[in-house]
Amino acid sequence: MKQIAVLALCLLLPACKREDPQAAARAAAEQAAAKEQAAEAMEKQFEEAVAAQNWRLAKGYGDVLQMDHPTSAAAARVKPKLDDVRARAEAQLRQERLAALWSYGDELVGKDGHQLSASIYSQEPVDTDGGGAHPVRLIFRDHPEWGRSAYLVLQAGDFDCYSGCKLKVVVDGKTHVLPGSRPKTDEAIAMFIDDWKGLWTLAKSGQQLSIEFPTKAVGRRTAAFEVGGLAPAKLPKWN
């Protein structure tokens, strides 16, 4: 009798553990709804970032949505927009990098005057004296007394332009010739681009700018600059 009772109990246990199909269905539906709700929340964050034109943030939300909730309705709605958002995010990242290449100055000169400047270093260092490569600096300056000027500055060597020279300036593949001159001073190794207005126009409208200039020690050299991140509003009188 004891064995029969044990057997009967064993037969009853699976029945006790058997799940309620309706309860299981409800649990599955609730889980699916929670996942869809989480996906919709991320979709909302994606759309808010797009509206704010924060393309890098929008890309992040969109990519995570596709990875974490690939079968959701929200992912399906966002997916067609992602290629454009990714392209805009890449362009935004590139523009931020280009903008960071420029430095801007605002110095008090005299009692009330301000000297404003925008400067950028060459994309690659240049050997200007035969002793090794050094950065070349391009500067646009607005001085309250001396007016506006554009000039190159060397760290080593010297320009061969004391009596004036012609400079080949290439912007996005198009060649221009601008006049240059080396002032007779030892305060800085600098050479002015006399047509400062023309150079400014080229710099603020182009992406890649190079200037070929004569040196005393090693002949003509070229300095290239990624100018696409220039913020013209920093020098308001130039515009």
C-alpha atoms as a PDB file:
ATOM      1  CA  MET A   1       0.000   0.000   0.000  1.00  0.00           C
ATOM      2  CA  LYS A   2       2.866   2.324   0.792  1.00  0.00           C
ATOM      3  CA  GLN A   3       4.419   1.744  -2.633  1.00  0.00           C
ATOM      4  CA  ILE A   4       1.083   2.412  -4.340  1.00  0.00           C
ATOM      5  CA  ALA A   5       0.723   5.676  -2.443  1.00  0.00           C
ATOM      6  CA  VAL A   6       4.206   6.813  -3.427  1.00  0.00           C
ATOM      7  CA  LEU A   7       3.534   5.905  -7.059  1.00  0.00           C
ATOM      8  CA  ALA A   8       0.282   7.824  -7.011  1.00  0.00           C
ATOM      9  CA  LEU A   9       2.051  10.853  -5.544  1.00  0.00           C
ATOM     10  CA  CYS A  10       4.728  10.717  -8.257  1.00  0.00           C
ATOM     11  CA  LEU A  11       2.049  10.604 -10.925  1.00  0.00           C
ATOM     12  CA  LEU A  12       0.340  13.610  -9.429  1.00  0.00           C
ATOM     13  CA  LEU A  13       3.470  15.835  -9.219  1.00  0.00           C
ATOM     14  CA  PRO A  14       3.830  16.569 -12.971  1.00  0.00           C
ATOM     15  CA  ALA A  15       0.212  17.565 -13.025  1.00  0.00           C
ATOM     16  CA  CYS A  16       0.850  19.972 -10.182  1.00  0.00           C
ATOM     17  CA  LYS A  17       3.796  21.504 -12.035  1.00  0.00           C
ATOM     18  CA  ARG A  18       1.956  21.793 -15.332  1.00  0.00           C
ATOM     19  CA  GLU A  19       1.717  25.512 -16.321  1.00  0.00           C
ATOM     20  CA  ASP A  20      -1.508  27.255 -17.098  1.00  0.00           C
ATOM     21  CA  PRO A  21      -1.405  27.961 -20.883  1.00  0.00           C
ATOM     22  CA  GLN A  22      -3.354  31.191 -20.480  1.00  0.00           C
ATOM     23  CA  ALA A  23      -1.045  32.452 -17.751  1.00  0.00           C
ATOM     24  CA  ALA A  24       1.987  31.624 -19.850  1.00  0.00           C
ATOM     25  CA  ALA A  25       0.472  33.444 -22.807  1.00  0.00           C
ATOM     26  CA  ARG A  26      -0.253  36.490 -20.666  1.00  0.00           C
ATOM     27  CA  ALA A  27       3.294  36.515 -19.314  1.00  0.00           C
ATOM     28  CA  ALA A  28       4.732  36.268 -22.811  1.00  0.00           C
ATOM     29  CA  ALA A  29       2.485  39.101 -24.008  1.00  0.00           C
ATOM     30  CA  GLU A  30       3.491  41.286 -21.095  1.00  0.00           C
ATOM     31  CA  GLN A  31       7.165  40.618 -21.772  1.00  0.00           C
ATOM     32  CA  ALA A  32       6.749  41.441 -25.464  1.00  0.00           C
ATOM     33  CA  ALA A  33       4.874  44.628 -24.587  1.00  0.00           C
ATOM     34  CA  ALA A  34       7.627  45.681 -22.186  1.00  0.00           C
ATOM     35  CA  LYS A  35      10.270  45.138 -24.874  1.00  0.00           C
ATOM     36  CA  GLU A  36       8.230  47.110 -27.381  1.00  0.00           C
ATOM     37  CA  GLN A  37       7.777  49.882 -24.849  1.00  0.00           C
ATOM     38  CA  ALA A  38      11.538  50.028 -24.264  1.00  0.00           C
ATOM     39  CA  ALA A  39      12.103  50.132 -28.020  1.00  0.00           C
ATOM     40  CA  GLU A  40       9.587  52.968 -28.419  1.00  0.00           C
ATOM     41  CA  ALA A  41      11.327  54.940 -25.662  1.00  0.00           C
ATOM     42  CA  MET A  42      14.624  54.606 -27.529  1.00  0.00           C
ATOM     43  CA  GLU A  43      12.915  55.574 -30.773  1.00  0.00           C
ATOM     44  CA  LYS A  44      11.659  58.735 -29.073  1.00  0.00           C
ATOM     45  CA  GLN A  45      15.214  59.574 -27.967  1.00  0.00           C
ATOM     46  CA  PHE A  46      16.374  58.974 -31.538  1.00  0.00           C
ATOM     47  CA  GLU A  47      13.752  61.331 -32.966  1.00  0.00           C
ATOM     48  CA  GLU A  48      14.533  64.014 -30.373  1.00  0.00           C
ATOM     49  CA  ALA A  49      18.224  63.864 -31.274  1.00  0.00           C
ATOM     50  CA  VAL A  50      17.359  64.131 -34.979  1.00  0.00           C
ATOM     51  CA  ALA A  51      15.150  67.167 -34.293  1.00  0.00           C
ATOM     52  CA  ALA A  52      18.054  68.778 -32.416  1.00  0.00           C
ATOM     53  CA  GLN A  53      20.406  67.853 -35.298  1.00  0.00           C
ATOM     54  CA  ASN A  54      22.624  66.029 -32.837  1.00  0.00           C
ATOM     55  CA  TRP A  55      23.518  63.452 -35.450  1.00  0.00           C
ATOM     56  CA  ARG A  56      26.119  61.592 -33.425  1.00  0.00           C
ATOM     57  CA  LEU A  57      23.670  61.049 -30.559  1.00  0.00           C
ATOM     58  CA  ALA A  58      20.912  60.063 -32.974  1.00  0.00           C
ATOM     59  CA  LYS A  59      23.235  57.530 -34.602  1.00  0.00           C
ATOM     60  CA  GLY A  60      23.991  56.045 -31.188  1.00  0.00           C
ATOM     61  CA  TYR A  61      20.322  55.612 -30.298  1.00  0.00           C
ATOM     62  CA  GLY A  62      19.517  54.210 -33.723  1.00  0.00           C
ATOM     63  CA  ASP A  63      22.348  51.680 -33.679  1.00  0.00           C
ATOM     64  CA  VAL A  64      21.532  50.480 -30.148  1.00  0.00           C
ATOM     65  CA  LEU A  65      17.860  50.152 -31.078  1.00  0.00           C
ATOM     66  CA  GLN A  66      18.752  47.908 -34.022  1.00  0.00           C
ATOM     67  CA  MET A  67      21.012  45.748 -31.846  1.00  0.00           C
ATOM     68  CA  ASP A  68      18.834  45.451 -28.720  1.00  0.00           C
ATOM     69  CA  HIS A  69      15.364  45.358 -30.314  1.00  0.00           C
ATOM     70  CA  PRO A  70      15.900  44.242 -33.931  1.00  0.00           C
ATOM     71  CA  THR A  71      12.393  42.778 -34.395  1.00  0.00           C
ATOM     72  CA  SER A  72      10.479  45.669 -32.823  1.00  0.00           C
ATOM     73  CA  ALA A  73       8.160  47.948 -34.737  1.00  0.00           C
ATOM     74  CA  ALA A  74      10.237  50.901 -33.513  1.00  0.00           C
ATOM     75  CA  ALA A  75      13.394  49.438 -35.063  1.00  0.00           C
ATOM     76  CA  ALA A  76      11.559  48.930 -38.334  1.00  0.00           C
ATOM     77  CA  ARG A  77      10.465  52.578 -38.362  1.00  0.00           C
ATOM     78  CA  VAL A  78      13.948  53.892 -37.573  1.00  0.00           C
ATOM     79  CA  LYS A  79      15.933  51.615 -39.897  1.00  0.00           C
ATOM     80  CA  PRO A  80      15.178  53.503 -43.172  1.00  0.00           C
ATOM     81  CA  LYS A  81      16.453  56.737 -41.594  1.00  0.00           C
ATOM     82  CA  LEU A  82      19.728  55.377 -40.265  1.00  0.00           C
ATOM     83  CA  ASP A  83      21.888  55.634 -43.390  1.00  0.00           C
ATOM     84  CA  ASP A  84      21.217  59.365 -43.662  1.00  0.00           C
ATOM     85  CA  VAL A  85      21.767  59.878 -39.921  1.00  0.00           C
ATOM     86  CA  ARG A  86      25.057  57.962 -40.029  1.00  0.00           C
ATOM     87  CA  ALA A  87      26.277  60.070 -42.943  1.00  0.00           C
ATOM     88  CA  ARG A  88      25.333  63.272 -41.126  1.00  0.00           C
ATOM     89  CA  ALA A  89      27.034  62.040 -37.940  1.00  0.00           C
ATOM     90  CA  GLU A  90      30.234  61.368 -39.865  1.00  0.00           C
ATOM     91  CA  ALA A  91      30.088  64.828 -41.453  1.00  0.00           C
ATOM     92  CA  GLN A  92      29.433  66.402 -38.048  1.00  0.00           C
ATOM     93  CA  LEU A  93      32.422  64.611 -36.534  1.00  0.00           C
ATOM     94  CA  ARG A  94      34.621  65.738 -39.421  1.00  0.00           C
ATOM     95  CA  GLN A  95      33.473  69.357 -39.076  1.00  0.00           C
ATOM     96  CA  GLU A  96      34.186  69.326 -35.352  1.00  0.00           C
ATOM     97  CA  ARG A  97      37.691  68.040 -36.063  1.00  0.00           C
ATOM     98  CA  LEU A  98      38.300  70.758 -38.652  1.00  0.00           C
ATOM     99  CA  ALA A  99      36.977  73.480 -36.340  1.00  0.00           C
ATOM    100  CA  ALA A 100      39.355  72.336 -33.592  1.00  0.00           C
ATOM    101  CA  LEU A 101      42.345  72.983 -35.893  1.00  0.00           C
ATOM    102  CA  TRP A 102      41.779  76.745 -35.638  1.00  0.00           C
ATOM    103  CA  SER A 103      42.799  78.943 -32.721  1.00  0.00           C
ATOM    104  CA  TYR A 104      41.306  82.375 -32.089  1.00  0.00           C
ATOM    105  CA  GLY A 105      42.781  85.268 -30.148  1.00  0.00           C
ATOM    106  CA  ASP A 106      41.311  88.405 -28.610  1.00  0.00           C
ATOM    107  CA  GLU A 107      44.000  90.600 -27.025  1.00  0.00           C
ATOM    108  CA  LEU A 108      43.615  94.034 -25.489  1.00  0.00           C
ATOM    109  CA  VAL A 109      45.769  96.555 -27.374  1.00  0.00           C
ATOM    110  CA  GLY A 110      46.145 100.078 -26.027  1.00  0.00           C
ATOM    111  CA  LYS A 111      43.328 101.508 -23.949  1.00  0.00           C
ATOM    112  CA  ASP A 112      40.239 100.276 -25.753  1.00  0.00           C
ATOM    113  CA  GLY A 113      41.430  98.373 -28.797  1.00  0.00           C
ATOM    114  CA  HIS A 114      41.294  94.636 -29.392  1.00  0.00           C
ATOM    115  CA  GLN A 115      43.510  92.571 -31.665  1.00  0.00           C
ATOM    116  CA  LEU A 116      41.583  89.645 -33.089  1.00  0.00           C
ATOM    117  CA  SER A 117      43.255  86.728 -34.814  1.00  0.00           C
ATOM    118  CA  ALA A 118      42.576  83.342 -36.357  1.00  0.00           C
ATOM    119  CA  SER A 119      45.446  80.933 -36.856  1.00  0.00           C
ATOM    120  CA  ILE A 120      46.062  77.380 -38.025  1.00  0.00           C
ATOM    121  CA  TYR A 121      49.116  75.129 -38.310  1.00  0.00           C
ATOM    122  CA  SER A 122      50.049  73.300 -41.477  1.00  0.00           C
ATOM    123  CA  GLN A 123      48.632  69.839 -41.954  1.00  0.00           C
ATOM    124  CA  GLU A 124      52.153  68.402 -42.122  1.00  0.00           C
ATOM    125  CA  PRO A 125      55.467  69.928 -40.974  1.00  0.00           C
ATOM    126  CA  VAL A 126      57.707  71.415 -43.669  1.00  0.00           C
ATOM    127  CA  ASP A 127      61.504  71.498 -43.948  1.00  0.00           C
ATOM    128  CA  THR A 128      62.233  75.201 -44.459  1.00  0.00           C
ATOM    129  CA  ASP A 129      65.937  75.302 -43.535  1.00  0.00           C
ATOM    130  CA  GLY A 130      67.375  71.904 -44.469  1.00  0.00           C
ATOM    131  CA  GLY A 131      67.563  70.856 -40.848  1.00  0.00           C
ATOM    132  CA  GLY A 132      64.241  69.057 -40.463  1.00  0.00           C
ATOM    133  CA  ALA A 133      60.533  69.621 -40.748  1.00  0.00           C
ATOM    134  CA  HIS A 134      58.649  72.144 -38.619  1.00  0.00           C
ATOM    135  CA  PRO A 135      55.016  73.351 -38.559  1.00  0.00           C
ATOM    136  CA  VAL A 136      54.173  76.432 -40.609  1.00  0.00           C
ATOM    137  CA  ARG A 137      51.538  78.756 -39.203  1.00  0.00           C
ATOM    138  CA  LEU A 138      48.974  80.783 -41.139  1.00  0.00           C
ATOM    139  CA  ILE A 139      47.547  83.790 -39.299  1.00  0.00           C
ATOM    140  CA  PHE A 140      44.776  86.251 -40.081  1.00  0.00           C
ATOM    141  CA  ARG A 141      45.002  89.324 -37.856  1.00  0.00           C
ATOM    142  CA  ASP A 142      42.814  92.358 -37.247  1.00  0.00           C
ATOM    143  CA  HIS A 143      44.816  95.011 -35.380  1.00  0.00           C
ATOM    144  CA  PRO A 144      43.147  98.259 -34.221  1.00  0.00           C
ATOM    145  CA  GLU A 145      46.068 100.388 -35.521  1.00  0.00           C
ATOM    146  CA  TRP A 146      47.729  98.296 -38.244  1.00  0.00           C
ATOM    147  CA  GLY A 147      44.533  97.031 -39.806  1.00  0.00           C
ATOM    148  CA  ARG A 148      44.026  93.604 -41.309  1.00  0.00           C
ATOM    149  CA  SER A 149      46.753  91.286 -42.510  1.00  0.00           C
ATOM    150  CA  ALA A 150      47.435  87.659 -43.388  1.00  0.00           C
ATOM    151  CA  TYR A 151      50.853  86.092 -43.002  1.00  0.00           C
ATOM    152  CA  LEU A 152      52.856  82.888 -42.658  1.00  0.00           C
ATOM    153  CA  VAL A 153      55.215  82.251 -39.749  1.00  0.00           C
ATOM    154  CA  LEU A 154      58.167  79.840 -39.791  1.00  0.00           C
ATOM    155  CA  GLN A 155      59.841  78.179 -36.832  1.00  0.00           C
ATOM    156  CA  ALA A 156      63.137  77.749 -38.690  1.00  0.00           C
ATOM    157  CA  GLY A 157      64.798  79.133 -41.804  1.00  0.00           C
ATOM    158  CA  ASP A 158      63.657  82.276 -43.583  1.00  0.00           C
ATOM    159  CA  PHE A 159      61.558  83.425 -46.488  1.00  0.00           C
ATOM    160  CA  ASP A 160      63.256  84.635 -49.654  1.00  0.00           C
ATOM    161  CA  CYS A 161      60.710  87.365 -50.281  1.00  0.00           C
ATOM    162  CA  TYR A 162      62.299  90.624 -49.057  1.00  0.00           C
ATOM    163  CA  SER A 163      61.800  92.331 -52.405  1.00  0.00           C
ATOM    164  CA  GLY A 164      58.394  90.781 -52.922  1.00  0.00           C
ATOM    165  CA  CYS A 165      57.399  87.472 -54.483  1.00  0.00           C
ATOM    166  CA  LYS A 166      54.556  85.599 -56.124  1.00  0.00           C
ATOM    167  CA  LEU A 167      52.871  82.867 -54.116  1.00  0.00           C
ATOM    168  CA  LYS A 168      51.028  79.942 -55.639  1.00  0.00           C
ATOM    169  CA  VAL A 169      47.876  79.350 -53.634  1.00  0.00           C
ATOM    170  CA  VAL A 170      45.788  76.263 -54.399  1.00  0.00           C
ATOM    171  CA  VAL A 171      42.294  75.902 -52.950  1.00  0.00           C
ATOM    172  CA  ASP A 172      40.406  72.668 -53.550  1.00  0.00           C
ATOM    173  CA  GLY A 173      42.413  72.045 -56.711  1.00  0.00           C
ATOM    174  CA  LYS A 174      42.088  75.546 -58.192  1.00  0.00           C
ATOM    175  CA  THR A 175      45.299  77.595 -58.500  1.00  0.00           C
ATOM    176  CA  HIS A 176      45.617  81.305 -57.695  1.00  0.00           C
ATOM    177  CA  VAL A 177      48.644  83.611 -57.622  1.00  0.00           C
ATOM    178  CA  LEU A 178      48.840  86.142 -54.789  1.00  0.00           C
ATOM    179  CA  PRO A 179      51.584  88.673 -53.961  1.00  0.00           C
ATOM    180  CA  GLY A 180      53.732  88.246 -50.860  1.00  0.00           C
ATOM    181  CA  SER A 181      56.395  90.270 -49.030  1.00  0.00           C
ATOM    182  CA  ARG A 182      58.889  89.686 -46.197  1.00  0.00           C
ATOM    183  CA  PRO A 183      59.163  92.653 -43.801  1.00  0.00           C
ATOM    184  CA  LYS A 184      62.698  93.698 -42.860  1.00  0.00           C
ATOM    185  CA  THR A 185      62.501  92.728 -39.220  1.00  0.00           C
ATOM    186  CA  ASP A 186      63.984  90.021 -37.039  1.00  0.00           C
ATOM    187  CA  GLU A 187      61.134  89.993 -34.536  1.00  0.00           C
ATOM    188  CA  ALA A 188      59.504  87.040 -36.281  1.00  0.00           C
ATOM    189  CA  ILE A 189      60.151  84.898 -39.325  1.00  0.00           C
ATOM    190  CA  ALA A 190      57.033  86.099 -41.084  1.00  0.00           C
ATOM    191  CA  MET A 191      55.898  86.751 -44.633  1.00  0.00           C
ATOM    192  CA  PHE A 192      52.761  88.703 -45.492  1.00  0.00           C
ATOM    193  CA  ILE A 193      50.288  87.663 -48.139  1.00  0.00           C
ATOM    194  CA  ASP A 194      49.642  91.148 -49.437  1.00  0.00           C
ATOM    195  CA  ASP A 195      46.257  90.294 -50.886  1.00  0.00           C
ATOM    196  CA  TRP A 196      44.903  89.389 -47.463  1.00  0.00           C
ATOM    197  CA  LYS A 197      41.328  89.907 -48.577  1.00  0.00           C
ATOM    198  CA  GLY A 198      41.739  87.440 -51.444  1.00  0.00           C
ATOM    199  CA  LEU A 199      43.338  84.830 -49.195  1.00  0.00           C
ATOM    200  CA  TRP A 200      40.583  85.241 -46.595  1.00  0.00           C
ATOM    201  CA  THR A 201      37.923  84.725 -49.258  1.00  0.00           C
ATOM    202  CA  LEU A 202      39.646  81.547 -50.410  1.00  0.00           C
ATOM    203  CA  ALA A 203      40.154  80.232 -46.877  1.00  0.00           C
ATOM    204  CA  LYS A 204      36.582  80.722 -45.706  1.00  0.00           C
ATOM    205  CA  SER A 205      35.091  79.164 -48.838  1.00  0.00           C
ATOM    206  CA  GLY A 206      37.434  76.187 -49.279  1.00  0.00           C
ATOM    207  CA  GLN A 207      38.386  72.977 -47.560  1.00  0.00           C
ATOM    208  CA  GLN A 208      42.010  72.367 -48.522  1.00  0.00           C
ATOM    209  CA  LEU A 209      44.383  75.317 -49.010  1.00  0.00           C
ATOM    210  CA  SER A 210      48.089  75.221 -49.806  1.00  0.00           C
ATOM    211  CA  ILE A 211      50.635  78.013 -50.212  1.00  0.00           C
ATOM    212  CA  GLU A 212      53.914  77.595 -52.084  1.00  0.00           C
ATOM    213  CA  PHE A 213      56.563  80.066 -50.911  1.00  0.00           C
ATOM    214  CA  PRO A 214      60.303  80.694 -51.495  1.00  0.00           C
ATOM    215  CA  THR A 215      62.873  80.034 -48.749  1.00  0.00           C
ATOM    216  CA  LYS A 216      66.498  81.118 -48.506  1.00  0.00           C
ATOM    217  CA  ALA A 217      67.946  77.718 -47.676  1.00  0.00           C
ATOM    218  CA  VAL A 218      65.946  75.099 -49.588  1.00  0.00           C
ATOM    219  CA  GLY A 219      64.097  76.892 -52.384  1.00  0.00           C
ATOM    220  CA  ARG A 220      60.361  76.748 -52.774  1.00  0.00           C
ATOM    221  CA  ARG A 221      58.299  74.838 -50.249  1.00  0.00           C
ATOM    222  CA  THR A 222      54.571  74.203 -49.809  1.00  0.00           C
ATOM    223  CA  ALA A 223      52.501  74.287 -46.642  1.00  0.00           C
ATOM    224  CA  ALA A 224      49.032  72.732 -46.733  1.00  0.00           C
ATOM    225  CA  PHE A 225      46.179  73.671 -44.403  1.00  0.00           C
ATOM    226  CA  GLU A 226      42.793  72.066 -43.711  1.00  0.00           C
ATOM    227  CA  VAL A 227      40.806  75.299 -43.549  1.00  0.00           C
ATOM    228  CA  GLY A 228      37.246  73.945 -43.747  1.00  0.00           C
ATOM    229  CA  GLY A 229      36.568  74.568 -40.056  1.00  0.00           C
ATOM    230  CA  LEU A 230      37.213  78.325 -40.114  1.00  0.00           C
ATOM    231  CA  ALA A 231      34.605  80.358 -38.216  1.00  0.00           C
ATOM    232  CA  PRO A 232      34.465  83.705 -40.116  1.00  0.00           C
ATOM    233  CA  ALA A 233      32.304  85.306 -37.411  1.00  0.00           C
ATOM    234  CA  LYS A 234      35.348  85.304 -35.097  1.00  0.00           C
ATOM    235  CA  LEU A 235      36.778  88.135 -37.240  1.00  0.00           C
ATOM    236  CA  PRO A 236      33.627  90.135 -38.011  1.00  0.00           C
ATOM    237  CA  LYS A 237      35.331  93.029 -39.838  1.00  0.00           C
ATOM    238  CA  TRP A 238      36.750  90.614 -42.398  1.00  0.00           C
ATOM    239  CA  ASN A 239      33.306  89.747 -43.655  1.00  0.00           C
END
